[in-house]
Amino acid sequence: VFGLSIPLRQPFRTASAERSTSDNLVVRVELADLPAGQASGSVGYGEGLPREYITGETIDSCFDYLSGLVPMLSSWDFPDFGSLVETLWDLSEQAQDGPPSFAARCALELALLDAGMRHWGRSFGDIFAALPDIMELHQPHQSIRYSVVASLDDPKRTWRKALEFRLYGFKQVKVKVGNDAEADAANLKTLRRFLSQP
């Protein structure tokens, strides 16, 4: 488990905070699945984004939470991919009673899923088959939709971002708003003008 501070090319502003770096939590796991002649098991990586101003989590609180899980993690045994997915689902359900651990659990779950998918040759979509109760959520598509986030900005500069988003082909934009209704309205108007169809 380690922290990773990634500098942003431009500050990102919301109503709650302004960030010039993204402080991320990275978890690396190695499964004890040593095939003959192999020196190490399947390795997986996961990332979480603790944001104290949103969930109350920090990098340090995530370290503490994950350190407390080590004895349980070392005793886990996954005979197949389905048992790994079910165990992670149960962990998520149990965590709702404790202190906030969203980012830490996210990083751990992604790392274990990454290692498990590598070990069993599975894809992310196979998670739904392992949890029949949520199968209705599985709706395969031929293409992937990806959105972009527009941070709070001076309305005079918003047109540049809007033009970038359009040139990159983004169809969905999540717009951050703040405490200045007039500036928010000006930003939304600019974004609509540049991003509306056609």
N, C-alpha and C. Protein backbone atom coordinates (compact mmCIF):
# COMPACT_ATOMS: atom_id res chain seq x y z
N VAL A 1 0.86 -1.17 0.00
CA VAL A 1 0.00 0.00 0.00
C VAL A 1 0.90 1.23 0.00
N PHE A 2 0.61 2.14 -0.90
CA PHE A 2 1.39 3.37 -0.92
C PHE A 2 0.56 4.53 -1.45
N GLY A 3 0.97 5.73 -1.08
CA GLY A 3 0.31 6.93 -1.57
C GLY A 3 1.02 7.43 -2.82
N LEU A 4 0.27 8.05 -3.69
CA LEU A 4 0.83 8.57 -4.93
C LEU A 4 0.23 9.95 -5.17
N SER A 5 1.09 10.96 -5.19
CA SER A 5 0.63 12.34 -5.41
C SER A 5 0.93 12.72 -6.86
N ILE A 6 -0.12 12.95 -7.64
CA ILE A 6 0.04 13.25 -9.06
C ILE A 6 -0.28 14.73 -9.29
N PRO A 7 0.71 15.51 -9.76
CA PRO A 7 0.43 16.93 -10.01
C PRO A 7 -0.54 17.10 -11.18
N LEU A 8 -1.47 18.02 -11.02
CA LEU A 8 -2.42 18.32 -12.09
C LEU A 8 -1.86 19.44 -12.96
N ARG A 9 -2.17 19.40 -14.24
CA ARG A 9 -1.68 20.44 -15.14
C ARG A 9 -2.33 21.78 -14.82
N GLN A 10 -3.57 21.73 -14.32
CA GLN A 10 -4.27 22.95 -13.93
C GLN A 10 -5.00 22.64 -12.62
N PRO A 11 -5.15 23.64 -11.75
CA PRO A 11 -5.91 23.39 -10.51
C PRO A 11 -7.34 22.98 -10.84
N PHE A 12 -7.89 22.13 -10.00
CA PHE A 12 -9.28 21.68 -10.17
C PHE A 12 -10.07 22.22 -8.99
N ARG A 13 -11.10 23.03 -9.29
CA ARG A 13 -11.87 23.69 -8.24
C ARG A 13 -13.29 23.15 -8.18
N THR A 14 -13.74 22.95 -6.94
CA THR A 14 -15.14 22.65 -6.67
C THR A 14 -15.59 23.61 -5.59
N ALA A 15 -16.85 23.51 -5.20
CA ALA A 15 -17.34 24.39 -4.12
C ALA A 15 -16.67 24.06 -2.80
N SER A 16 -16.18 22.81 -2.64
CA SER A 16 -15.61 22.36 -1.37
C SER A 16 -14.11 22.58 -1.27
N ALA A 17 -13.39 22.55 -2.39
CA ALA A 17 -11.93 22.60 -2.32
C ALA A 17 -11.33 22.94 -3.68
N GLU A 18 -10.06 23.30 -3.64
CA GLU A 18 -9.28 23.45 -4.86
C GLU A 18 -8.05 22.58 -4.72
N ARG A 19 -7.77 21.77 -5.75
CA ARG A 19 -6.63 20.85 -5.69
C ARG A 19 -5.69 21.12 -6.86
N SER A 20 -4.39 21.05 -6.56
CA SER A 20 -3.39 21.13 -7.63
C SER A 20 -2.68 19.79 -7.79
N THR A 21 -3.03 18.84 -6.91
CA THR A 21 -2.53 17.46 -7.03
C THR A 21 -3.69 16.51 -6.77
N SER A 22 -3.53 15.30 -7.28
CA SER A 22 -4.47 14.24 -6.95
C SER A 22 -3.73 13.27 -6.05
N ASP A 23 -4.15 13.20 -4.79
CA ASP A 23 -3.49 12.33 -3.82
C ASP A 23 -4.23 11.00 -3.77
N ASN A 24 -3.60 9.98 -4.34
CA ASN A 24 -4.24 8.70 -4.53
C ASN A 24 -3.62 7.62 -3.64
N LEU A 25 -4.40 6.60 -3.41
CA LEU A 25 -3.97 5.44 -2.64
C LEU A 25 -3.86 4.28 -3.63
N VAL A 26 -2.73 3.58 -3.61
CA VAL A 26 -2.53 2.43 -4.51
C VAL A 26 -2.29 1.19 -3.66
N VAL A 27 -3.01 0.12 -3.99
CA VAL A 27 -2.86 -1.16 -3.30
C VAL A 27 -2.35 -2.18 -4.31
N ARG A 28 -1.33 -2.92 -3.93
CA ARG A 28 -0.80 -4.02 -4.73
C ARG A 28 -1.03 -5.31 -3.96
N VAL A 29 -1.64 -6.28 -4.60
CA VAL A 29 -1.83 -7.58 -3.95
C VAL A 29 -1.20 -8.67 -4.81
N GLU A 30 -0.77 -9.71 -4.14
CA GLU A 30 -0.23 -10.87 -4.85
C GLU A 30 -0.92 -12.11 -4.30
N LEU A 31 -1.55 -12.85 -5.19
CA LEU A 31 -2.22 -14.07 -4.78
C LEU A 31 -1.19 -15.18 -4.62
N ALA A 32 -1.45 -16.07 -3.69
CA ALA A 32 -0.55 -17.20 -3.45
C ALA A 32 -0.96 -18.36 -4.35
N ASP A 33 -0.88 -18.15 -5.67
CA ASP A 33 -1.33 -19.14 -6.65
C ASP A 33 -0.16 -19.66 -7.47
N LEU A 34 0.90 -20.02 -6.83
CA LEU A 34 2.17 -20.28 -7.48
C LEU A 34 2.17 -21.54 -8.35
N PRO A 35 2.00 -21.39 -9.66
CA PRO A 35 2.12 -22.56 -10.53
C PRO A 35 3.57 -23.05 -10.53
N ALA A 36 3.77 -24.30 -10.91
CA ALA A 36 5.11 -24.87 -10.93
C ALA A 36 6.05 -24.01 -11.77
N GLY A 37 7.22 -23.73 -11.21
CA GLY A 37 8.23 -22.96 -11.91
C GLY A 37 8.02 -21.45 -11.87
N GLN A 38 6.98 -20.98 -11.20
CA GLN A 38 6.74 -19.54 -11.13
C GLN A 38 7.12 -19.04 -9.75
N ALA A 39 7.86 -17.93 -9.70
CA ALA A 39 8.38 -17.42 -8.43
C ALA A 39 7.36 -16.61 -7.65
N SER A 40 6.31 -16.13 -8.32
CA SER A 40 5.32 -15.32 -7.60
C SER A 40 3.94 -15.58 -8.16
N GLY A 41 2.92 -15.18 -7.39
CA GLY A 41 1.54 -15.38 -7.79
C GLY A 41 1.04 -14.24 -8.65
N SER A 42 -0.24 -14.31 -9.01
CA SER A 42 -0.86 -13.25 -9.82
C SER A 42 -0.89 -11.95 -9.03
N VAL A 43 -0.52 -10.87 -9.68
CA VAL A 43 -0.44 -9.55 -9.03
C VAL A 43 -1.54 -8.66 -9.59
N GLY A 44 -2.15 -7.89 -8.70
CA GLY A 44 -3.17 -6.94 -9.11
C GLY A 44 -2.96 -5.60 -8.44
N TYR A 45 -3.42 -4.56 -9.10
CA TYR A 45 -3.30 -3.20 -8.57
C TYR A 45 -4.68 -2.55 -8.50
N GLY A 46 -4.88 -1.74 -7.48
CA GLY A 46 -6.11 -0.99 -7.33
C GLY A 46 -5.82 0.41 -6.83
N GLU A 47 -6.72 1.33 -7.15
CA GLU A 47 -6.53 2.72 -6.76
C GLU A 47 -7.78 3.25 -6.07
N GLY A 48 -7.57 4.05 -5.07
CA GLY A 48 -8.65 4.74 -4.38
C GLY A 48 -8.30 6.20 -4.24
N LEU A 49 -9.33 7.04 -4.14
CA LEU A 49 -9.10 8.48 -4.06
C LEU A 49 -9.71 9.04 -2.78
N PRO A 50 -8.98 8.97 -1.67
CA PRO A 50 -9.52 9.53 -0.43
C PRO A 50 -9.62 11.04 -0.51
N ARG A 51 -10.79 11.56 -0.17
CA ARG A 51 -11.01 13.00 -0.17
C ARG A 51 -11.64 13.36 1.17
N GLU A 52 -10.83 13.94 2.05
CA GLU A 52 -11.29 14.24 3.41
C GLU A 52 -12.51 15.15 3.39
N TYR A 53 -12.57 16.10 2.47
CA TYR A 53 -13.68 17.04 2.42
C TYR A 53 -14.97 16.42 1.87
N ILE A 54 -14.89 15.19 1.35
CA ILE A 54 -16.10 14.51 0.86
C ILE A 54 -16.52 13.38 1.79
N THR A 55 -15.59 12.45 2.08
CA THR A 55 -15.96 11.27 2.87
C THR A 55 -15.29 11.22 4.24
N GLY A 56 -14.38 12.16 4.51
CA GLY A 56 -13.68 12.13 5.79
C GLY A 56 -12.43 11.26 5.77
N GLU A 57 -12.11 10.67 4.64
CA GLU A 57 -10.95 9.79 4.55
C GLU A 57 -9.69 10.56 4.16
N THR A 58 -8.55 10.08 4.66
CA THR A 58 -7.25 10.59 4.27
C THR A 58 -6.39 9.39 3.86
N ILE A 59 -5.24 9.67 3.28
CA ILE A 59 -4.31 8.58 2.95
C ILE A 59 -3.97 7.80 4.22
N ASP A 60 -3.70 8.53 5.33
CA ASP A 60 -3.34 7.86 6.59
C ASP A 60 -4.48 7.00 7.14
N SER A 61 -5.72 7.51 7.07
CA SER A 61 -6.84 6.70 7.59
C SER A 61 -7.04 5.45 6.73
N CYS A 62 -6.76 5.56 5.43
CA CYS A 62 -6.86 4.39 4.54
C CYS A 62 -5.78 3.37 4.90
N PHE A 63 -4.54 3.85 5.16
CA PHE A 63 -3.47 2.94 5.59
C PHE A 63 -3.90 2.19 6.85
N ASP A 64 -4.45 2.94 7.81
CA ASP A 64 -4.87 2.32 9.07
C ASP A 64 -5.95 1.26 8.84
N TYR A 65 -6.94 1.59 8.02
CA TYR A 65 -8.03 0.66 7.75
C TYR A 65 -7.49 -0.62 7.10
N LEU A 66 -6.65 -0.45 6.09
CA LEU A 66 -6.13 -1.62 5.37
C LEU A 66 -5.19 -2.44 6.25
N SER A 67 -4.42 -1.78 7.11
CA SER A 67 -3.53 -2.51 8.03
C SER A 67 -4.34 -3.42 8.95
N GLY A 68 -5.51 -2.93 9.36
CA GLY A 68 -6.36 -3.74 10.22
C GLY A 68 -6.95 -4.96 9.52
N LEU A 69 -6.95 -4.96 8.19
CA LEU A 69 -7.49 -6.10 7.43
C LEU A 69 -6.47 -7.18 7.13
N VAL A 70 -5.18 -6.90 7.35
CA VAL A 70 -4.13 -7.83 6.94
C VAL A 70 -4.34 -9.24 7.50
N PRO A 71 -4.62 -9.43 8.81
CA PRO A 71 -4.82 -10.81 9.29
C PRO A 71 -5.96 -11.52 8.56
N MET A 72 -7.05 -10.81 8.29
CA MET A 72 -8.17 -11.44 7.60
C MET A 72 -7.80 -11.73 6.15
N LEU A 73 -7.12 -10.80 5.49
CA LEU A 73 -6.75 -10.99 4.09
C LEU A 73 -5.85 -12.21 3.90
N SER A 74 -4.91 -12.39 4.81
CA SER A 74 -3.97 -13.51 4.66
C SER A 74 -4.64 -14.86 4.89
N SER A 75 -5.83 -14.85 5.49
CA SER A 75 -6.53 -16.13 5.71
C SER A 75 -7.54 -16.44 4.61
N TRP A 76 -7.79 -15.51 3.71
CA TRP A 76 -8.78 -15.73 2.66
C TRP A 76 -8.28 -16.78 1.67
N ASP A 77 -9.22 -17.58 1.19
CA ASP A 77 -8.91 -18.59 0.18
C ASP A 77 -10.00 -18.51 -0.89
N PHE A 78 -9.61 -18.37 -2.12
CA PHE A 78 -10.56 -18.26 -3.22
C PHE A 78 -10.39 -19.44 -4.17
N PRO A 79 -11.25 -20.45 -4.07
CA PRO A 79 -11.12 -21.59 -4.98
C PRO A 79 -11.46 -21.24 -6.43
N ASP A 80 -12.26 -20.17 -6.62
CA ASP A 80 -12.62 -19.76 -7.98
C ASP A 80 -12.95 -18.27 -7.98
N PHE A 81 -13.16 -17.73 -9.18
CA PHE A 81 -13.42 -16.30 -9.33
C PHE A 81 -14.71 -15.88 -8.62
N GLY A 82 -15.73 -16.73 -8.68
CA GLY A 82 -17.00 -16.43 -8.03
C GLY A 82 -16.86 -16.23 -6.54
N SER A 83 -16.02 -17.06 -5.89
CA SER A 83 -15.84 -16.92 -4.44
C SER A 83 -15.12 -15.62 -4.09
N LEU A 84 -14.21 -15.18 -4.95
CA LEU A 84 -13.54 -13.89 -4.74
C LEU A 84 -14.55 -12.75 -4.80
N VAL A 85 -15.40 -12.76 -5.82
CA VAL A 85 -16.39 -11.70 -5.98
C VAL A 85 -17.37 -11.71 -4.80
N GLU A 86 -17.83 -12.87 -4.39
CA GLU A 86 -18.77 -12.95 -3.25
C GLU A 86 -18.13 -12.44 -1.97
N THR A 87 -16.86 -12.75 -1.75
CA THR A 87 -16.16 -12.28 -0.54
C THR A 87 -16.07 -10.76 -0.53
N LEU A 88 -15.76 -10.18 -1.68
CA LEU A 88 -15.68 -8.72 -1.76
C LEU A 88 -17.04 -8.07 -1.56
N TRP A 89 -18.09 -8.70 -2.07
CA TRP A 89 -19.45 -8.20 -1.87
C TRP A 89 -19.79 -8.21 -0.38
N ASP A 90 -19.46 -9.30 0.31
CA ASP A 90 -19.71 -9.40 1.75
C ASP A 90 -18.93 -8.35 2.53
N LEU A 91 -17.67 -8.12 2.14
CA LEU A 91 -16.84 -7.12 2.81
C LEU A 91 -17.48 -5.74 2.68
N SER A 92 -18.00 -5.45 1.51
CA SER A 92 -18.65 -4.17 1.27
C SER A 92 -19.88 -4.00 2.16
N GLU A 93 -20.65 -5.06 2.30
CA GLU A 93 -21.84 -5.02 3.16
C GLU A 93 -21.45 -4.80 4.62
N GLN A 94 -20.41 -5.48 5.10
CA GLN A 94 -19.99 -5.37 6.51
C GLN A 94 -19.44 -3.98 6.81
N ALA A 95 -18.79 -3.36 5.84
CA ALA A 95 -18.11 -2.08 6.07
C ALA A 95 -19.08 -0.93 6.32
N GLN A 96 -20.34 -1.11 6.01
CA GLN A 96 -21.30 -0.02 6.18
C GLN A 96 -21.50 0.36 7.63
N ASP A 97 -21.13 -0.52 8.56
CA ASP A 97 -21.32 -0.23 9.97
C ASP A 97 -20.14 0.49 10.61
N GLY A 98 -19.00 0.55 9.92
CA GLY A 98 -17.80 1.14 10.51
C GLY A 98 -17.55 2.56 10.04
N PRO A 99 -16.33 3.06 10.32
CA PRO A 99 -15.96 4.41 9.86
C PRO A 99 -15.84 4.42 8.34
N PRO A 100 -15.86 5.60 7.73
CA PRO A 100 -15.75 5.66 6.27
C PRO A 100 -14.50 4.95 5.76
N SER A 101 -14.68 4.11 4.77
CA SER A 101 -13.54 3.37 4.21
C SER A 101 -13.72 3.17 2.70
N PHE A 102 -14.45 4.08 2.07
CA PHE A 102 -14.79 3.91 0.66
C PHE A 102 -13.56 3.80 -0.23
N ALA A 103 -12.63 4.75 -0.11
CA ALA A 103 -11.44 4.77 -0.97
C ALA A 103 -10.54 3.56 -0.70
N ALA A 104 -10.38 3.22 0.57
CA ALA A 104 -9.53 2.08 0.92
C ALA A 104 -10.12 0.78 0.38
N ARG A 105 -11.43 0.59 0.56
CA ARG A 105 -12.07 -0.62 0.05
C ARG A 105 -12.05 -0.66 -1.47
N CYS A 106 -12.24 0.49 -2.09
CA CYS A 106 -12.20 0.55 -3.55
C CYS A 106 -10.84 0.09 -4.07
N ALA A 107 -9.77 0.61 -3.48
CA ALA A 107 -8.42 0.22 -3.92
C ALA A 107 -8.18 -1.27 -3.69
N LEU A 108 -8.59 -1.77 -2.53
CA LEU A 108 -8.41 -3.19 -2.22
C LEU A 108 -9.22 -4.07 -3.17
N GLU A 109 -10.49 -3.72 -3.36
CA GLU A 109 -11.35 -4.52 -4.25
C GLU A 109 -10.80 -4.55 -5.67
N LEU A 110 -10.39 -3.39 -6.19
CA LEU A 110 -9.86 -3.35 -7.54
C LEU A 110 -8.58 -4.18 -7.67
N ALA A 111 -7.71 -4.12 -6.65
CA ALA A 111 -6.47 -4.89 -6.68
C ALA A 111 -6.77 -6.40 -6.68
N LEU A 112 -7.69 -6.82 -5.82
CA LEU A 112 -8.04 -8.25 -5.76
C LEU A 112 -8.74 -8.71 -7.04
N LEU A 113 -9.64 -7.87 -7.56
CA LEU A 113 -10.30 -8.22 -8.82
C LEU A 113 -9.28 -8.29 -9.97
N ASP A 114 -8.36 -7.34 -10.02
CA ASP A 114 -7.33 -7.34 -11.06
C ASP A 114 -6.51 -8.64 -10.99
N ALA A 115 -6.06 -8.99 -9.79
CA ALA A 115 -5.27 -10.23 -9.62
C ALA A 115 -6.11 -11.45 -9.97
N GLY A 116 -7.36 -11.46 -9.52
CA GLY A 116 -8.24 -12.60 -9.79
C GLY A 116 -8.54 -12.76 -11.27
N MET A 117 -8.79 -11.64 -11.95
CA MET A 117 -9.08 -11.71 -13.39
C MET A 117 -7.86 -12.20 -14.16
N ARG A 118 -6.67 -11.79 -13.73
CA ARG A 118 -5.45 -12.28 -14.38
C ARG A 118 -5.28 -13.78 -14.13
N HIS A 119 -5.51 -14.20 -12.88
CA HIS A 119 -5.30 -15.60 -12.52
C HIS A 119 -6.28 -16.53 -13.24
N TRP A 120 -7.56 -16.16 -13.25
CA TRP A 120 -8.58 -17.04 -13.83
C TRP A 120 -8.91 -16.69 -15.29
N GLY A 121 -8.24 -15.68 -15.85
CA GLY A 121 -8.50 -15.30 -17.23
C GLY A 121 -9.92 -14.80 -17.44
N ARG A 122 -10.40 -13.99 -16.51
CA ARG A 122 -11.77 -13.48 -16.57
C ARG A 122 -11.77 -12.01 -16.94
N SER A 123 -12.96 -11.50 -17.28
CA SER A 123 -13.10 -10.08 -17.60
C SER A 123 -13.96 -9.43 -16.52
N PHE A 124 -13.99 -8.11 -16.55
CA PHE A 124 -14.76 -7.37 -15.55
C PHE A 124 -16.25 -7.72 -15.63
N GLY A 125 -16.75 -7.98 -16.82
CA GLY A 125 -18.15 -8.34 -17.00
C GLY A 125 -18.54 -9.64 -16.30
N ASP A 126 -17.55 -10.49 -16.03
CA ASP A 126 -17.83 -11.77 -15.36
C ASP A 126 -18.26 -11.58 -13.91
N ILE A 127 -18.04 -10.39 -13.37
CA ILE A 127 -18.46 -10.11 -11.99
C ILE A 127 -19.97 -10.27 -11.87
N PHE A 128 -20.70 -9.83 -12.88
CA PHE A 128 -22.16 -9.90 -12.82
C PHE A 128 -22.65 -11.34 -12.79
N ALA A 129 -21.99 -12.22 -13.52
CA ALA A 129 -22.38 -13.64 -13.52
C ALA A 129 -22.14 -14.26 -12.15
N ALA A 130 -21.13 -13.75 -11.42
CA ALA A 130 -20.82 -14.29 -10.09
C ALA A 130 -21.81 -13.81 -9.04
N LEU A 131 -22.56 -12.75 -9.34
CA LEU A 131 -23.54 -12.21 -8.40
C LEU A 131 -24.90 -12.14 -9.10
N PRO A 132 -25.61 -13.26 -9.18
CA PRO A 132 -26.86 -13.30 -9.94
C PRO A 132 -27.89 -12.26 -9.51
N ASP A 133 -27.87 -11.85 -8.24
CA ASP A 133 -28.85 -10.87 -7.75
C ASP A 133 -28.73 -9.51 -8.44
N ILE A 134 -27.55 -9.22 -8.99
CA ILE A 134 -27.36 -7.93 -9.66
C ILE A 134 -27.23 -8.08 -11.18
N MET A 135 -27.53 -9.25 -11.69
CA MET A 135 -27.39 -9.51 -13.12
C MET A 135 -28.20 -8.53 -13.97
N GLU A 136 -29.31 -8.05 -13.44
CA GLU A 136 -30.15 -7.12 -14.21
C GLU A 136 -29.43 -5.80 -14.50
N LEU A 137 -28.38 -5.49 -13.72
CA LEU A 137 -27.60 -4.27 -13.96
C LEU A 137 -26.68 -4.40 -15.16
N HIS A 138 -26.43 -5.63 -15.56
CA HIS A 138 -25.49 -5.88 -16.65
C HIS A 138 -26.16 -5.61 -17.99
N GLN A 139 -25.74 -4.54 -18.63
CA GLN A 139 -26.30 -4.16 -19.93
C GLN A 139 -25.15 -3.90 -20.90
N PRO A 140 -24.70 -4.95 -21.59
CA PRO A 140 -23.55 -4.79 -22.50
C PRO A 140 -23.84 -3.78 -23.61
N HIS A 141 -22.81 -3.05 -24.00
CA HIS A 141 -22.89 -2.06 -25.09
C HIS A 141 -21.73 -2.29 -26.05
N GLN A 142 -21.91 -1.86 -27.28
CA GLN A 142 -20.84 -1.99 -28.27
C GLN A 142 -19.75 -0.95 -28.07
N SER A 143 -20.09 0.17 -27.46
CA SER A 143 -19.10 1.21 -27.25
C SER A 143 -19.13 1.65 -25.79
N ILE A 144 -18.09 2.36 -25.39
CA ILE A 144 -17.98 2.84 -24.01
C ILE A 144 -18.28 4.33 -23.99
N ARG A 145 -19.14 4.73 -23.06
CA ARG A 145 -19.41 6.16 -22.87
C ARG A 145 -18.52 6.67 -21.74
N TYR A 146 -17.90 7.78 -21.98
CA TYR A 146 -17.03 8.36 -20.97
C TYR A 146 -17.32 9.84 -20.90
N SER A 147 -17.43 10.37 -19.70
CA SER A 147 -17.73 11.78 -19.55
C SER A 147 -16.51 12.53 -19.02
N VAL A 148 -16.61 13.83 -19.02
CA VAL A 148 -15.54 14.69 -18.53
C VAL A 148 -16.16 15.61 -17.47
N VAL A 149 -15.32 16.10 -16.57
CA VAL A 149 -15.80 17.00 -15.52
C VAL A 149 -15.26 18.40 -15.76
N ALA A 150 -16.16 19.37 -15.78
CA ALA A 150 -15.77 20.77 -15.91
C ALA A 150 -15.69 21.36 -14.50
N SER A 151 -14.50 21.77 -14.09
CA SER A 151 -14.35 22.34 -12.76
C SER A 151 -14.85 23.78 -12.75
N LEU A 152 -14.99 24.33 -11.54
CA LEU A 152 -15.38 25.73 -11.41
C LEU A 152 -14.31 26.58 -12.07
N ASP A 153 -14.71 27.53 -12.87
CA ASP A 153 -13.72 28.37 -13.53
C ASP A 153 -14.32 29.74 -13.79
N ASP A 154 -13.44 30.65 -14.14
CA ASP A 154 -13.88 31.98 -14.54
C ASP A 154 -14.65 31.83 -15.85
N PRO A 155 -15.86 32.36 -15.93
CA PRO A 155 -16.65 32.22 -17.16
C PRO A 155 -15.91 32.68 -18.41
N LYS A 156 -14.96 33.61 -18.26
CA LYS A 156 -14.20 34.09 -19.42
C LYS A 156 -13.27 33.01 -19.98
N ARG A 157 -12.94 32.01 -19.16
CA ARG A 157 -12.04 30.94 -19.62
C ARG A 157 -12.78 29.65 -19.95
N THR A 158 -14.03 29.58 -19.60
CA THR A 158 -14.80 28.35 -19.79
C THR A 158 -14.89 27.95 -21.25
N TRP A 159 -14.95 28.91 -22.16
CA TRP A 159 -15.09 28.57 -23.58
C TRP A 159 -13.94 27.71 -24.08
N ARG A 160 -12.71 27.92 -23.52
CA ARG A 160 -11.57 27.10 -23.94
C ARG A 160 -11.79 25.63 -23.58
N LYS A 161 -12.24 25.42 -22.35
CA LYS A 161 -12.51 24.05 -21.91
C LYS A 161 -13.63 23.44 -22.75
N ALA A 162 -14.67 24.20 -22.99
CA ALA A 162 -15.80 23.71 -23.77
C ALA A 162 -15.34 23.31 -25.17
N LEU A 163 -14.49 24.13 -25.76
CA LEU A 163 -13.99 23.81 -27.10
C LEU A 163 -13.13 22.55 -27.07
N GLU A 164 -12.27 22.41 -26.05
CA GLU A 164 -11.47 21.19 -25.90
C GLU A 164 -12.38 19.97 -25.80
N PHE A 165 -13.40 20.05 -24.94
CA PHE A 165 -14.31 18.92 -24.76
C PHE A 165 -14.95 18.53 -26.09
N ARG A 166 -15.37 19.53 -26.84
CA ARG A 166 -16.03 19.25 -28.13
C ARG A 166 -15.04 18.61 -29.11
N LEU A 167 -13.82 19.15 -29.18
CA LEU A 167 -12.82 18.62 -30.10
C LEU A 167 -12.45 17.17 -29.76
N TYR A 168 -12.44 16.85 -28.45
CA TYR A 168 -12.14 15.48 -28.03
C TYR A 168 -13.34 14.55 -28.19
N GLY A 169 -14.50 15.09 -28.50
CA GLY A 169 -15.66 14.26 -28.78
C GLY A 169 -16.49 13.85 -27.56
N PHE A 170 -16.32 14.55 -26.43
CA PHE A 170 -17.12 14.21 -25.26
C PHE A 170 -18.58 14.58 -25.50
N LYS A 171 -19.48 13.65 -25.15
CA LYS A 171 -20.91 13.88 -25.32
C LYS A 171 -21.58 14.21 -23.97
N GLN A 172 -20.96 13.78 -22.88
CA GLN A 172 -21.50 14.05 -21.54
C GLN A 172 -20.47 14.84 -20.75
N VAL A 173 -20.95 15.88 -20.06
CA VAL A 173 -20.09 16.71 -19.23
C VAL A 173 -20.76 16.90 -17.88
N LYS A 174 -20.01 16.61 -16.83
CA LYS A 174 -20.48 16.88 -15.47
C LYS A 174 -19.92 18.25 -15.09
N VAL A 175 -20.79 19.17 -14.72
CA VAL A 175 -20.37 20.54 -14.46
C VAL A 175 -20.41 20.81 -12.96
N LYS A 176 -19.28 21.24 -12.42
CA LYS A 176 -19.22 21.63 -11.02
C LYS A 176 -19.75 23.05 -10.88
N VAL A 177 -20.60 23.26 -9.89
CA VAL A 177 -21.13 24.59 -9.60
C VAL A 177 -20.72 24.98 -8.19
N GLY A 178 -20.80 26.27 -7.91
CA GLY A 178 -20.35 26.75 -6.60
C GLY A 178 -21.37 27.64 -5.93
N ASN A 179 -20.88 28.71 -5.33
CA ASN A 179 -21.74 29.60 -4.56
C ASN A 179 -22.07 30.89 -5.30
N ASP A 180 -21.59 31.02 -6.54
CA ASP A 180 -21.84 32.22 -7.33
C ASP A 180 -22.80 31.86 -8.46
N ALA A 181 -24.08 32.09 -8.23
CA ALA A 181 -25.11 31.68 -9.19
C ALA A 181 -24.93 32.36 -10.54
N GLU A 182 -24.49 33.60 -10.53
CA GLU A 182 -24.30 34.33 -11.79
C GLU A 182 -23.18 33.71 -12.63
N ALA A 183 -22.05 33.41 -11.98
CA ALA A 183 -20.93 32.78 -12.68
C ALA A 183 -21.31 31.38 -13.16
N ASP A 184 -22.03 30.63 -12.31
CA ASP A 184 -22.47 29.29 -12.69
C ASP A 184 -23.36 29.35 -13.94
N ALA A 185 -24.29 30.29 -13.97
CA ALA A 185 -25.19 30.44 -15.11
C ALA A 185 -24.40 30.79 -16.38
N ALA A 186 -23.40 31.66 -16.24
CA ALA A 186 -22.57 32.05 -17.39
C ALA A 186 -21.77 30.85 -17.90
N ASN A 187 -21.22 30.06 -16.98
CA ASN A 187 -20.47 28.85 -17.38
C ASN A 187 -21.37 27.86 -18.10
N LEU A 188 -22.55 27.63 -17.56
CA LEU A 188 -23.48 26.68 -18.18
C LEU A 188 -23.89 27.15 -19.58
N LYS A 189 -24.12 28.44 -19.71
CA LYS A 189 -24.51 28.99 -21.02
C LYS A 189 -23.40 28.77 -22.04
N THR A 190 -22.16 29.03 -21.63
CA THR A 190 -21.02 28.84 -22.53
C THR A 190 -20.86 27.37 -22.90
N LEU A 191 -20.94 26.49 -21.91
CA LEU A 191 -20.80 25.05 -22.18
C LEU A 191 -21.89 24.58 -23.14
N ARG A 192 -23.12 25.01 -22.90
CA ARG A 192 -24.22 24.61 -23.80
C ARG A 192 -23.97 25.09 -25.24
N ARG A 193 -23.48 26.32 -25.36
CA ARG A 193 -23.28 26.89 -26.69
C ARG A 193 -22.25 26.07 -27.48
N PHE A 194 -21.16 25.65 -26.80
CA PHE A 194 -20.11 24.91 -27.50
C PHE A 194 -20.39 23.43 -27.62
N LEU A 195 -21.17 22.87 -26.70
CA LEU A 195 -21.32 21.43 -26.68
C LEU A 195 -22.65 20.92 -27.20
N SER A 196 -23.62 21.81 -27.42
CA SER A 196 -24.91 21.36 -27.91
C SER A 196 -24.77 20.79 -29.30
N GLN A 197 -25.65 19.85 -29.63
CA GLN A 197 -25.64 19.25 -30.97
C GLN A 197 -26.09 20.30 -31.98
N PRO A 198 -25.70 20.25 -33.22
CA PRO A 198 -24.96 19.17 -33.85
C PRO A 198 -23.47 19.29 -33.60
